[in-house]
Amino acid sequence: MLRESDHVKIVTCVPVTSANEVRDALGKSGAGQQGNYQFCSGSYRQIGRFRPLKGAHPAIGEVGKLEEVEEEVIEVICHKDKVGEVIHALRMAHPYEEPAIDIYPRYEVE
């Protein structure tokens, strides 16, 4: 039997050079707590692609130029009560002007 969890999964991608800083901010703000463990996360590498438009202030690349960046995708669980605080901390630590942040529902198996 499945039931909706009290936790969600938060996923973001960040340049590899900033991954530890973002992961630390996530953990300090309460994400990644699972039972008797803190700062739990998973990650994998990807190539992020984007073209900054006029008015953008890119941390990497130039306006109008297609860019490729080696990124780390970071996944953490987060209690629903802490999502606002965690997303704020993620945005403060993230170098991108507009970081991609996905929040997924989770289910528990009973």
Protein backbone atom coordinates (compact mmCIF):
# COMPACT_ATOMS: atom_id res chain seq x y z
CA MET A 1 0.00 0.00 0.00
CA LEU A 2 1.26 3.49 -0.85
CA ARG A 3 0.65 6.69 1.04
CA GLU A 4 1.83 10.20 0.31
CA SER A 5 5.02 11.02 2.22
CA ASP A 6 5.62 13.97 4.53
CA HIS A 7 8.75 14.55 2.43
CA VAL A 8 9.43 15.78 -1.09
CA LYS A 9 12.49 15.35 -3.27
CA ILE A 10 14.32 18.52 -4.30
CA VAL A 11 16.54 18.38 -7.38
CA THR A 12 18.82 21.11 -8.70
CA CYS A 13 21.80 21.34 -11.03
CA VAL A 14 24.86 23.42 -10.24
CA PRO A 15 28.32 23.91 -11.77
CA VAL A 16 30.63 21.20 -10.42
CA THR A 17 32.83 23.85 -8.78
CA SER A 18 29.88 25.04 -6.63
CA ALA A 19 28.34 21.65 -5.78
CA ASN A 20 29.84 21.31 -2.30
CA GLU A 21 28.70 24.82 -1.28
CA VAL A 22 25.13 24.16 -2.45
CA ARG A 23 25.06 20.69 -0.86
CA ASP A 24 26.27 22.22 2.44
CA ALA A 25 23.57 24.93 2.31
CA LEU A 26 20.91 22.27 1.68
CA GLY A 27 22.07 20.22 4.66
CA LYS A 28 22.40 23.19 7.02
CA SER A 29 18.87 24.33 6.16
CA GLY A 30 17.39 20.93 7.03
CA ALA A 31 17.25 19.04 3.73
CA GLY A 32 18.75 15.57 3.50
CA GLN A 33 17.62 14.35 6.91
CA GLN A 34 16.66 10.70 6.77
CA GLY A 35 16.07 8.91 10.07
CA ASN A 36 19.22 9.25 12.17
CA TYR A 37 21.26 10.67 9.28
CA GLN A 38 21.83 14.26 8.13
CA PHE A 39 23.24 15.82 4.95
CA CYS A 40 22.07 12.84 2.85
CA SER A 41 22.15 13.50 -0.89
CA GLY A 42 22.78 11.86 -4.21
CA SER A 43 24.35 13.37 -7.30
CA TYR A 44 25.44 12.73 -10.84
CA ARG A 45 27.15 14.74 -13.58
CA GLN A 46 25.54 16.26 -16.65
CA ILE A 47 26.21 18.90 -19.28
CA GLY A 48 23.95 21.93 -18.88
CA ARG A 49 23.25 24.08 -21.95
CA PHE A 50 21.81 27.59 -22.11
CA ARG A 51 21.91 30.89 -23.97
CA PRO A 52 21.56 34.00 -21.80
CA LEU A 53 19.16 36.56 -23.28
CA LYS A 54 19.36 40.35 -23.22
CA GLY A 55 18.86 41.54 -19.65
CA ALA A 56 20.43 38.42 -18.12
CA HIS A 57 23.44 38.61 -15.81
CA PRO A 58 24.97 35.14 -16.27
CA ALA A 59 27.40 33.75 -13.71
CA ILE A 60 28.95 31.77 -16.59
CA GLY A 61 29.03 32.70 -20.27
CA GLU A 62 27.94 35.75 -22.24
CA VAL A 63 24.61 37.20 -23.32
CA GLY A 64 23.60 35.80 -26.70
CA LYS A 65 26.19 33.00 -26.73
CA LEU A 66 25.24 29.32 -26.33
CA GLU A 67 27.10 27.87 -23.34
CA GLU A 68 27.85 24.36 -22.06
CA VAL A 69 28.74 23.77 -18.42
CA GLU A 70 29.69 20.58 -16.58
CA GLU A 71 27.16 20.40 -13.79
CA GLU A 72 26.35 18.20 -10.85
CA VAL A 73 22.70 17.30 -10.32
CA ILE A 74 21.99 17.17 -6.58
CA GLU A 75 18.98 15.32 -5.13
CA VAL A 76 17.85 15.55 -1.51
CA ILE A 77 14.74 14.70 0.45
CA CYS A 78 13.11 17.45 2.47
CA HIS A 79 10.26 17.53 4.97
CA LYS A 80 7.37 19.54 3.56
CA ASP A 81 7.52 21.94 6.53
CA LYS A 82 11.08 22.97 5.60
CA VAL A 83 10.72 23.45 1.83
CA GLY A 84 10.53 27.27 1.93
CA GLU A 85 13.62 27.60 4.13
CA VAL A 86 15.55 25.04 2.08
CA ILE A 87 14.72 26.67 -1.27
CA HIS A 88 15.78 30.06 0.12
CA ALA A 89 19.12 28.61 1.28
CA LEU A 90 19.60 26.86 -2.08
CA ARG A 91 19.01 30.11 -4.00
CA MET A 92 21.41 32.03 -1.73
CA ALA A 93 24.21 29.48 -2.24
CA HIS A 94 23.60 28.84 -5.95
CA PRO A 95 25.73 30.83 -8.42
CA TYR A 96 23.10 30.91 -11.19
CA GLU A 97 20.81 33.90 -11.56
CA GLU A 98 17.86 31.54 -12.18
CA PRO A 99 18.68 28.04 -10.89
CA ALA A 100 16.56 25.12 -12.08
CA ILE A 101 14.81 23.65 -9.04
CA ASP A 102 12.42 20.69 -9.23
CA ILE A 103 10.28 19.54 -6.31
CA TYR A 104 8.72 16.08 -6.57
CA PRO A 105 6.16 14.39 -4.33
CA ARG A 106 7.25 11.17 -2.62
CA TYR A 107 5.35 8.11 -1.46
CA GLU A 108 5.94 5.69 1.39
CA VAL A 109 5.42 1.95 1.09
CA GLU A 110 3.48 0.50 4.02
